[in-house]
């Protein structure tokens, strides 16, 4: 075997071993996290706040979209009369 084949074989073995191990760790951590209570256990508020901030940055024209829908509805009302 040459060096490249050994690297590919090592990578495949690592993936075959690491993937199930990571899945077990993630599932175990998920169940442990649900059992925690108290102010120090959760980080959900920070994640939700970050998502809202990202939405505000990515979609700054959210208010403009609402205004455009209102104008469109008014135009449909005028055209239908």
C-alpha atoms as a PDB file:
ATOM      1  CA  UNK A   1       0.000   0.000   0.000  1.00  0.00           C
ATOM      2  CA  UNK A   2       1.208   3.443  -0.776  1.00  0.00           C
ATOM      3  CA  UNK A   3       0.768   6.569   1.346  1.00  0.00           C
ATOM      4  CA  UNK A   4      -2.442   7.771  -0.339  1.00  0.00           C
ATOM      5  CA  UNK A   5      -4.228   4.463   0.180  1.00  0.00           C
ATOM      6  CA  UNK A   6      -3.220   4.456   3.846  1.00  0.00           C
ATOM      7  CA  UNK A   7      -4.583   7.994   4.277  1.00  0.00           C
ATOM      8  CA  UNK A   8      -7.898   7.071   2.641  1.00  0.00           C
ATOM      9  CA  UNK A   9      -8.159   3.884   4.717  1.00  0.00           C
ATOM     10  CA  UNK A  10      -7.387   5.816   7.904  1.00  0.00           C
ATOM     11  CA  UNK A  11     -10.002   8.423   7.030  1.00  0.00           C
ATOM     12  CA  UNK A  12     -12.639   5.775   6.355  1.00  0.00           C
ATOM     13  CA  UNK A  13     -11.916   4.013   9.639  1.00  0.00           C
ATOM     14  CA  UNK A  14     -12.058   7.328  11.474  1.00  0.00           C
ATOM     15  CA  UNK A  15     -15.437   8.158   9.906  1.00  0.00           C
ATOM     16  CA  UNK A  16     -16.856   4.699  10.642  1.00  0.00           C
ATOM     17  CA  UNK A  17     -15.808   4.948  14.291  1.00  0.00           C
ATOM     18  CA  UNK A  18     -16.324   8.684  14.877  1.00  0.00           C
ATOM     19  CA  UNK A  19     -19.815   9.040  13.379  1.00  0.00           C
ATOM     20  CA  UNK A  20     -21.651   6.565  15.656  1.00  0.00           C
ATOM     21  CA  UNK A  21     -19.675   7.793  18.664  1.00  0.00           C
ATOM     22  CA  UNK A  22     -20.635  11.415  17.968  1.00  0.00           C
ATOM     23  CA  UNK A  23     -24.291  10.429  17.525  1.00  0.00           C
ATOM     24  CA  UNK A  24     -24.289   8.676  20.904  1.00  0.00           C
ATOM     25  CA  UNK A  25     -22.644  11.670  22.579  1.00  0.00           C
ATOM     26  CA  UNK A  26     -25.119  14.124  21.034  1.00  0.00           C
ATOM     27  CA  UNK A  27     -28.173  12.057  22.016  1.00  0.00           C
ATOM     28  CA  UNK A  28     -26.863  11.604  25.556  1.00  0.00           C
ATOM     29  CA  UNK A  29     -26.170  15.321  25.850  1.00  0.00           C
ATOM     30  CA  UNK A  30     -29.635  16.136  24.544  1.00  0.00           C
ATOM     31  CA  UNK A  31     -31.298  14.051  27.242  1.00  0.00           C
ATOM     32  CA  UNK A  32     -29.032  15.470  29.948  1.00  0.00           C
ATOM     33  CA  UNK A  33     -29.780  19.014  28.832  1.00  0.00           C
ATOM     34  CA  UNK A  34     -33.554  18.503  29.126  1.00  0.00           C
ATOM     35  CA  UNK A  35     -33.220  17.391  32.737  1.00  0.00           C
ATOM     36  CA  UNK A  36     -31.372  20.549  33.790  1.00  0.00           C
ATOM     37  CA  UNK A  37     -33.362  23.264  35.465  1.00  0.00           C
ATOM     38  CA  UNK A  38     -32.434  26.646  36.847  1.00  0.00           C
ATOM     39  CA  UNK A  39     -31.057  29.860  35.516  1.00  0.00           C
ATOM     40  CA  UNK A  40     -27.597  28.530  34.727  1.00  0.00           C
ATOM     41  CA  UNK A  41     -28.656  25.550  32.636  1.00  0.00           C
ATOM     42  CA  UNK A  42     -30.096  26.980  29.461  1.00  0.00           C
ATOM     43  CA  UNK A  43     -28.830  29.069  26.610  1.00  0.00           C
ATOM     44  CA  UNK A  44     -32.025  29.187  24.561  1.00  0.00           C
ATOM     45  CA  UNK A  45     -32.677  32.864  25.189  1.00  0.00           C
ATOM     46  CA  UNK A  46     -29.325  33.822  23.738  1.00  0.00           C
ATOM     47  CA  UNK A  47     -29.880  31.687  20.666  1.00  0.00           C
ATOM     48  CA  UNK A  48     -33.338  33.136  20.056  1.00  0.00           C
ATOM     49  CA  UNK A  49     -32.021  36.668  20.482  1.00  0.00           C
ATOM     50  CA  UNK A  50     -29.179  35.980  18.054  1.00  0.00           C
ATOM     51  CA  UNK A  51     -31.607  34.562  15.496  1.00  0.00           C
ATOM     52  CA  UNK A  52     -33.816  37.646  15.758  1.00  0.00           C
ATOM     53  CA  UNK A  53     -30.797  39.898  15.344  1.00  0.00           C
ATOM     54  CA  UNK A  54     -29.623  37.952  12.283  1.00  0.00           C
ATOM     55  CA  UNK A  55     -33.115  38.204  10.803  1.00  0.00           C
ATOM     56  CA  UNK A  56     -33.083  41.952  11.381  1.00  0.00           C
ATOM     57  CA  UNK A  57     -29.702  42.270   9.653  1.00  0.00           C
ATOM     58  CA  UNK A  58     -30.486  39.934   6.752  1.00  0.00           C
ATOM     59  CA  UNK A  59     -34.010  41.251   6.170  1.00  0.00           C
ATOM     60  CA  UNK A  60     -33.904  44.952   7.063  1.00  0.00           C
ATOM     61  CA  UNK A  61     -36.815  45.662   4.731  1.00  0.00           C
ATOM     62  CA  UNK A  62     -39.312  43.604   6.719  1.00  0.00           C
ATOM     63  CA  UNK A  63     -41.456  46.668   7.392  1.00  0.00           C
ATOM     64  CA  UNK A  64     -41.236  47.641   3.726  1.00  0.00           C
ATOM     65  CA  UNK A  65     -42.539  44.215   2.734  1.00  0.00           C
ATOM     66  CA  UNK A  66     -45.585  44.703   4.954  1.00  0.00           C
ATOM     67  CA  UNK A  67     -46.190  48.176   3.505  1.00  0.00           C
ATOM     68  CA  UNK A  68     -45.896  46.793  -0.030  1.00  0.00           C
ATOM     69  CA  UNK A  69     -48.497  44.125   0.750  1.00  0.00           C
ATOM     70  CA  UNK A  70     -50.860  46.767   2.113  1.00  0.00           C
ATOM     71  CA  UNK A  71     -50.425  48.922  -1.011  1.00  0.00           C
ATOM     72  CA  UNK A  72     -51.015  45.881  -3.202  1.00  0.00           C
ATOM     73  CA  UNK A  73     -54.231  45.070  -1.344  1.00  0.00           C
ATOM     74  CA  UNK A  74     -55.394  48.691  -1.748  1.00  0.00           C
ATOM     75  CA  UNK A  75     -54.659  48.562  -5.497  1.00  0.00           C
ATOM     76  CA  UNK A  76     -56.647  45.337  -5.821  1.00  0.00           C
ATOM     77  CA  UNK A  77     -59.541  47.005  -4.019  1.00  0.00           C
ATOM     78  CA  UNK A  78     -59.401  50.036  -6.339  1.00  0.00           C
ATOM     79  CA  UNK A  79     -59.121  47.914  -9.476  1.00  0.00           C
ATOM     80  CA  UNK A  80     -62.047  45.708  -8.472  1.00  0.00           C
ATOM     81  CA  UNK A  81     -64.503  48.584  -8.016  1.00  0.00           C
END
